PDB file of N, CA and C in Angstrom:
ATOM      1  N   MET A   1      79.707  89.281  79.279  1.00  0.00           N
ATOM      2  CA  MET A   1      78.345  89.697  79.020  1.00  0.00           C
ATOM      3  C   MET A   1      78.206  91.207  79.272  1.00  0.00           C
ATOM      4  N   VAL A   2      78.743  91.670  80.374  1.00  0.00           N
ATOM      5  CA  VAL A   2      78.620  93.101  80.737  1.00  0.00           C
ATOM      6  C   VAL A   2      79.452  93.972  79.786  1.00  0.00           C
ATOM      7  N   ARG A   3      80.694  93.573  79.572  1.00  0.00           N
ATOM      8  CA  ARG A   3      81.576  94.377  78.729  1.00  0.00           C
ATOM      9  C   ARG A   3      81.058  94.506  77.300  1.00  0.00           C
ATOM     10  N   SER A   4      80.434  93.448  76.796  1.00  0.00           N
ATOM     11  CA  SER A   4      79.945  93.479  75.414  1.00  0.00           C
ATOM     12  C   SER A   4      78.466  93.883  75.342  1.00  0.00           C
ATOM     13  N   ARG A   5      77.926  94.275  76.484  1.00  0.00           N
ATOM     14  CA  ARG A   5      76.518  94.711  76.568  1.00  0.00           C
ATOM     15  C   ARG A   5      75.560  93.680  75.975  1.00  0.00           C
ATOM     16  N   GLY A   6      75.861  92.413  76.248  1.00  0.00           N
ATOM     17  CA  GLY A   6      75.005  91.324  75.800  1.00  0.00           C
ATOM     18  C   GLY A   6      75.255  90.860  74.391  1.00  0.00           C
ATOM     19  N   ASN A   7      76.205  91.471  73.702  1.00  0.00           N
ATOM     20  CA  ASN A   7      76.520  91.077  72.335  1.00  0.00           C
ATOM     21  C   ASN A   7      77.654  90.067  72.338  1.00  0.00           C
ATOM     22  N   LEU A   8      77.316  88.850  72.738  1.00  0.00           N
ATOM     23  CA  LEU A   8      78.324  87.797  72.804  1.00  0.00           C
ATOM     24  C   LEU A   8      78.609  87.275  71.406  1.00  0.00           C
ATOM     25  N   SER A   9      79.854  86.921  71.216  1.00  0.00           N
ATOM     26  CA  SER A   9      80.228  86.313  69.924  1.00  0.00           C
ATOM     27  C   SER A   9      79.754  84.857  69.923  1.00  0.00           C
ATOM     28  N   GLU A  10      79.670  84.309  68.734  1.00  0.00           N
ATOM     29  CA  GLU A  10      79.269  82.909  68.597  1.00  0.00           C
ATOM     30  C   GLU A  10      80.268  82.011  69.316  1.00  0.00           C
ATOM     31  N   GLN A  11      81.558  82.386  69.266  1.00  0.00           N
ATOM     32  CA  GLN A  11      82.615  81.593  69.917  1.00  0.00           C
ATOM     33  C   GLN A  11      82.452  81.625  71.426  1.00  0.00           C
ATOM     34  N   GLU A  12      82.068  82.769  71.982  1.00  0.00           N
ATOM     35  CA  GLU A  12      81.884  82.876  73.450  1.00  0.00           C
ATOM     36  C   GLU A  12      80.713  82.009  73.884  1.00  0.00           C
ATOM     37  N   VAL A  13      79.634  82.027  73.134  1.00  0.00           N
ATOM     38  CA  VAL A  13      78.467  81.208  73.479  1.00  0.00           C
ATOM     39  C   VAL A  13      78.823  79.735  73.356  1.00  0.00           C
ATOM     40  N   GLU A  14      79.517  79.360  72.291  1.00  0.00           N
ATOM     41  CA  GLU A  14      79.915  77.975  72.086  1.00  0.00           C
ATOM     42  C   GLU A  14      80.829  77.500  73.222  1.00  0.00           C
ATOM     43  N   ALA A  15      81.760  78.353  73.654  1.00  0.00           N
ATOM     44  CA  ALA A  15      82.664  78.002  74.757  1.00  0.00           C
ATOM     45  C   ALA A  15      81.880  77.816  76.050  1.00  0.00           C
ATOM     46  N   PHE A  16      80.890  78.634  76.276  1.00  0.00           N
ATOM     47  CA  PHE A  16      80.028  78.536  77.458  1.00  0.00           C
ATOM     48  C   PHE A  16      79.305  77.203  77.466  1.00  0.00           C
ATOM     49  N   PHE A  17      78.718  76.851  76.321  1.00  0.00           N
ATOM     50  CA  PHE A  17      78.002  75.573  76.192  1.00  0.00           C
ATOM     51  C   PHE A  17      78.956  74.399  76.292  1.00  0.00           C
ATOM     52  N   ALA A  18      80.154  74.529  75.719  1.00  0.00           N
ATOM     53  CA  ALA A  18      81.145  73.456  75.771  1.00  0.00           C
ATOM     54  C   ALA A  18      81.621  73.204  77.205  1.00  0.00           C
ATOM     55  N   ALA A  19      81.520  74.208  78.051  1.00  0.00           N
ATOM     56  CA  ALA A  19      81.926  74.053  79.458  1.00  0.00           C
ATOM     57  C   ALA A  19      80.841  73.324  80.268  1.00  0.00           C
ATOM     58  N   GLY A  20      79.763  72.956  79.594  1.00  0.00           N
ATOM     59  CA  GLY A  20      78.725  72.175  80.275  1.00  0.00           C
ATOM     60  C   GLY A  20      77.475  72.955  80.643  1.00  0.00           C
ATOM     61  N   TYR A  21      77.415  74.214  80.291  1.00  0.00           N
ATOM     62  CA  TYR A  21      76.249  75.024  80.582  1.00  0.00           C
ATOM     63  C   TYR A  21      75.313  75.005  79.383  1.00  0.00           C
ATOM     64  N   GLY A  22      74.074  75.429  79.624  1.00  0.00           N
ATOM     65  CA  GLY A  22      73.099  75.447  78.548  1.00  0.00           C
ATOM     66  C   GLY A  22      72.390  76.782  78.456  1.00  0.00           C
ATOM     67  N   PRO A  23      71.399  76.858  77.588  1.00  0.00           N
ATOM     68  CA  PRO A  23      70.655  78.092  77.407  1.00  0.00           C
ATOM     69  C   PRO A  23      69.995  78.594  78.692  1.00  0.00           C
ATOM     70  N   LYS A  24      69.551  77.650  79.538  1.00  0.00           N
ATOM     71  CA  LYS A  24      68.925  78.048  80.821  1.00  0.00           C
ATOM     72  C   LYS A  24      69.911  78.848  81.685  1.00  0.00           C
ATOM     73  N   GLN A  25      71.145  78.395  81.748  1.00  0.00           N
ATOM     74  CA  GLN A  25      72.141  79.103  82.591  1.00  0.00           C
ATOM     75  C   GLN A  25      72.487  80.466  81.970  1.00  0.00           C
ATOM     76  N   LEU A  26      72.466  80.542  80.649  1.00  0.00           N
ATOM     77  CA  LEU A  26      72.722  81.834  79.999  1.00  0.00           C
ATOM     78  C   LEU A  26      71.615  82.830  80.364  1.00  0.00           C
ATOM     79  N   LEU A  27      70.377  82.370  80.359  1.00  0.00           N
ATOM     80  CA  LEU A  27      69.271  83.243  80.760  1.00  0.00           C
ATOM     81  C   LEU A  27      69.331  83.595  82.243  1.00  0.00           C
ATOM     82  N   GLU A  28      69.816  82.661  83.061  1.00  0.00           N
ATOM     83  CA  GLU A  28      69.957  82.951  84.486  1.00  0.00           C
ATOM     84  C   GLU A  28      70.994  84.054  84.716  1.00  0.00           C
ATOM     85  N   ILE A  29      72.044  84.065  83.910  1.00  0.00           N
ATOM     86  CA  ILE A  29      73.057  85.132  84.022  1.00  0.00           C
ATOM     87  C   ILE A  29      72.419  86.483  83.681  1.00  0.00           C
ATOM     88  N   ILE A  30      71.644  86.503  82.611  1.00  0.00           N
ATOM     89  CA  ILE A  30      70.966  87.740  82.203  1.00  0.00           C
ATOM     90  C   ILE A  30      70.002  88.210  83.300  1.00  0.00           C
ATOM     91  N   LEU A  31      69.285  87.286  83.913  1.00  0.00           N
ATOM     92  CA  LEU A  31      68.373  87.626  84.991  1.00  0.00           C
ATOM     93  C   LEU A  31      69.130  88.212  86.181  1.00  0.00           C
ATOM     94  N   GLY A  32      70.255  87.591  86.541  1.00  0.00           N
ATOM     95  CA  GLY A  32      71.041  88.092  87.666  1.00  0.00           C
ATOM     96  C   GLY A  32      71.598  89.484  87.393  1.00  0.00           C
ATOM     97  N   LEU A  33      72.087  89.699  86.176  1.00  0.00           N
ATOM     98  CA  LEU A  33      72.632  91.013  85.823  1.00  0.00           C
ATOM     99  C   LEU A  33      71.537  92.080  85.846  1.00  0.00           C
ATOM    100  N   SER A  34      70.375  91.733  85.304  1.00  0.00           N
ATOM    101  CA  SER A  34      69.285  92.722  85.269  1.00  0.00           C
ATOM    102  C   SER A  34      68.801  93.075  86.670  1.00  0.00           C
ATOM    103  N   GLN A  35      68.741  92.075  87.549  1.00  0.00           N
ATOM    104  CA  GLN A  35      68.322  92.355  88.927  1.00  0.00           C
ATOM    105  C   GLN A  35      69.321  93.262  89.616  1.00  0.00           C
ATOM    106  N   LYS A  36      70.598  93.049  89.379  1.00  0.00           N
ATOM    107  CA  LYS A  36      71.640  93.885  90.009  1.00  0.00           C
ATOM    108  C   LYS A  36      71.556  95.326  89.506  1.00  0.00           C
ATOM    109  N   VAL A  37      71.351  95.499  88.196  1.00  0.00           N
ATOM    110  CA  VAL A  37      71.234  96.848  87.639  1.00  0.00           C
ATOM    111  C   VAL A  37      70.013  97.565  88.228  1.00  0.00           C
ATOM    112  N   MET A  38      68.879  96.887  88.265  1.00  0.00           N
ATOM    113  CA  MET A  38      67.665  97.498  88.825  1.00  0.00           C
ATOM    114  C   MET A  38      67.856  97.864  90.280  1.00  0.00           C
ATOM    115  N   SER A  39      68.479  96.983  91.048  1.00  0.00           N
ATOM    116  CA  SER A  39      68.723  97.237  92.457  1.00  0.00           C
ATOM    117  C   SER A  39      69.629  98.453  92.642  1.00  0.00           C
ATOM    118  N   ASN A  40      70.697  98.528  91.854  1.00  0.00           N
ATOM    119  CA  ASN A  40      71.609  99.677  91.944  1.00  0.00           C
ATOM    120  C   ASN A  40      70.902 100.975  91.621  1.00  0.00           C
ATOM    121  N   TYR A  41      70.120 100.993  90.531  1.00  0.00           N
ATOM    122  CA  TYR A  41      69.437 102.220  90.127  1.00  0.00           C
ATOM    123  C   TYR A  41      68.453 102.680  91.192  1.00  0.00           C
ATOM    124  N   VAL A  42      67.671 101.742  91.726  1.00  0.00           N
ATOM    125  CA  VAL A  42      66.696 102.109  92.761  1.00  0.00           C
ATOM    126  C   VAL A  42      67.386 102.617  94.006  1.00  0.00           C
ATOM    127  N   ASN A  43      68.466 101.935  94.399  1.00  0.00           N
ATOM    128  CA  ASN A  43      69.186 102.377  95.609  1.00  0.00           C
ATOM    129  C   ASN A  43      69.817 103.747  95.414  1.00  0.00           C
ATOM    130  N   HIS A  44      70.291 104.069  94.215  1.00  0.00           N
ATOM    131  CA  HIS A  44      70.844 105.394  93.964  1.00  0.00           C
ATOM    132  C   HIS A  44      69.752 106.453  94.052  1.00  0.00           C
ATOM    133  N   LEU A  45      68.618 106.169  93.431  1.00  0.00           N
ATOM    134  CA  LEU A  45      67.513 107.146  93.459  1.00  0.00           C
ATOM    135  C   LEU A  45      66.947 107.317  94.865  1.00  0.00           C
ATOM    136  N   ALA A  46      66.830 106.212  95.592  1.00  0.00           N
ATOM    137  CA  ALA A  46      66.259 106.267  96.944  1.00  0.00           C
ATOM    138  C   ALA A  46      67.276 106.673  97.989  1.00  0.00           C
ATOM    139  N   GLN A  47      68.539 106.779  97.591  1.00  0.00           N
ATOM    140  CA  GLN A  47      69.638 107.078  98.497  1.00  0.00           C
ATOM    141  C   GLN A  47      69.640 106.140  99.686  1.00  0.00           C
ATOM    142  N   THR A  48      69.513 104.865  99.383  1.00  0.00           N
ATOM    143  CA  THR A  48      69.509 103.830 100.403  1.00  0.00           C
ATOM    144  C   THR A  48      70.862 103.790 101.105  1.00  0.00           C
ATOM    145  N   PRO A  49      70.880 103.884 102.429  1.00  0.00           N
ATOM    146  CA  PRO A  49      72.175 103.848 103.130  1.00  0.00           C
ATOM    147  C   PRO A  49      72.782 102.455 103.078  1.00  0.00           C
ATOM    148  N   VAL A  50      74.101 102.405 103.065  1.00  0.00           N
ATOM    149  CA  VAL A  50      74.806 101.126 103.071  1.00  0.00           C
ATOM    150  C   VAL A  50      74.719 100.535 104.477  1.00  0.00           C
ATOM    151  N   ASP A  51      74.453  99.229 104.552  1.00  0.00           N
ATOM    152  CA  ASP A  51      74.411  98.569 105.841  1.00  0.00           C
ATOM    153  C   ASP A  51      75.744  98.730 106.551  1.00  0.00           C
ATOM    154  N   GLU A  52      75.671  98.897 107.860  1.00  0.00           N
ATOM    155  CA  GLU A  52      76.860  99.160 108.680  1.00  0.00           C
ATOM    156  C   GLU A  52      77.981  98.126 108.411  1.00  0.00           C
ATOM    157  N   VAL A  53      77.630  96.881 108.314  1.00  0.00           N
ATOM    158  CA  VAL A  53      78.617  95.815 108.152  1.00  0.00           C
ATOM    159  C   VAL A  53      79.343  95.919 106.809  1.00  0.00           C
ATOM    160  N   PHE A  54      78.745  96.573 105.800  1.00  0.00           N
ATOM    161  CA  PHE A  54      79.342  96.673 104.482  1.00  0.00           C
ATOM    162  C   PHE A  54      79.984  98.035 104.215  1.00  0.00           C
ATOM    163  N   LYS A  55      79.947  98.949 105.144  1.00  0.00           N
ATOM    164  CA  LYS A  55      80.466 100.295 104.930  1.00  0.00           C
ATOM    165  C   LYS A  55      81.943 100.320 104.582  1.00  0.00           C
ATOM    166  N   VAL A  56      82.699  99.333 105.063  1.00  0.00           N
ATOM    167  CA  VAL A  56      84.138  99.298 104.746  1.00  0.00           C
ATOM    168  C   VAL A  56      84.357  99.039 103.265  1.00  0.00           C
ATOM    169  N   TYR A  57      83.366  98.506 102.568  1.00  0.00           N
ATOM    170  CA  TYR A  57      83.485  98.216 101.141  1.00  0.00           C
ATOM    171  C   TYR A  57      82.773  99.234 100.255  1.00  0.00           C
ATOM    172  N   ALA A  58      82.193 100.249 100.862  1.00  0.00           N
ATOM    173  CA  ALA A  58      81.410 101.232 100.113  1.00  0.00           C
ATOM    174  C   ALA A  58      82.294 102.008  99.146  1.00  0.00           C
ATOM    175  N   TRP A  59      81.751 102.186  97.958  1.00  0.00           N
ATOM    176  CA  TRP A  59      82.442 102.940  96.896  1.00  0.00           C
ATOM    177  C   TRP A  59      81.924 104.364  96.970  1.00  0.00           C
ATOM    178  N   GLU A  60      82.821 105.322  96.873  1.00  0.00           N
ATOM    179  CA  GLU A  60      82.413 106.719  96.890  1.00  0.00           C
ATOM    180  C   GLU A  60      82.920 107.415  95.650  1.00  0.00           C
ATOM    181  N   LYS A  61      82.081 108.288  95.085  1.00  0.00           N
ATOM    182  CA  LYS A  61      82.459 109.071  93.924  1.00  0.00           C
ATOM    183  C   LYS A  61      83.438 110.142  94.360  1.00  0.00           C
ATOM    184  N   LYS A  62      84.486 110.319  93.597  1.00  0.00           N
ATOM    185  CA  LYS A  62      85.489 111.335  93.960  1.00  0.00           C
ATOM    186  C   LYS A  62      85.413 112.490  93.026  1.00  0.00           C
TER     187      LYS A  62
END
């Protein structure tokens, strides 16, 4: 979904549904991705510090 920027092929959607998922789960994925993007953008603008416990995983621009 991310790599194709939401432009899934018909085969990818069919494979997703064949695995037992439905349209609701597809929309849930879109909701989760959009929440993550919004959170990242806001945190970058607000310069939100990384919680101490997660600092070992922090990504830094080089």
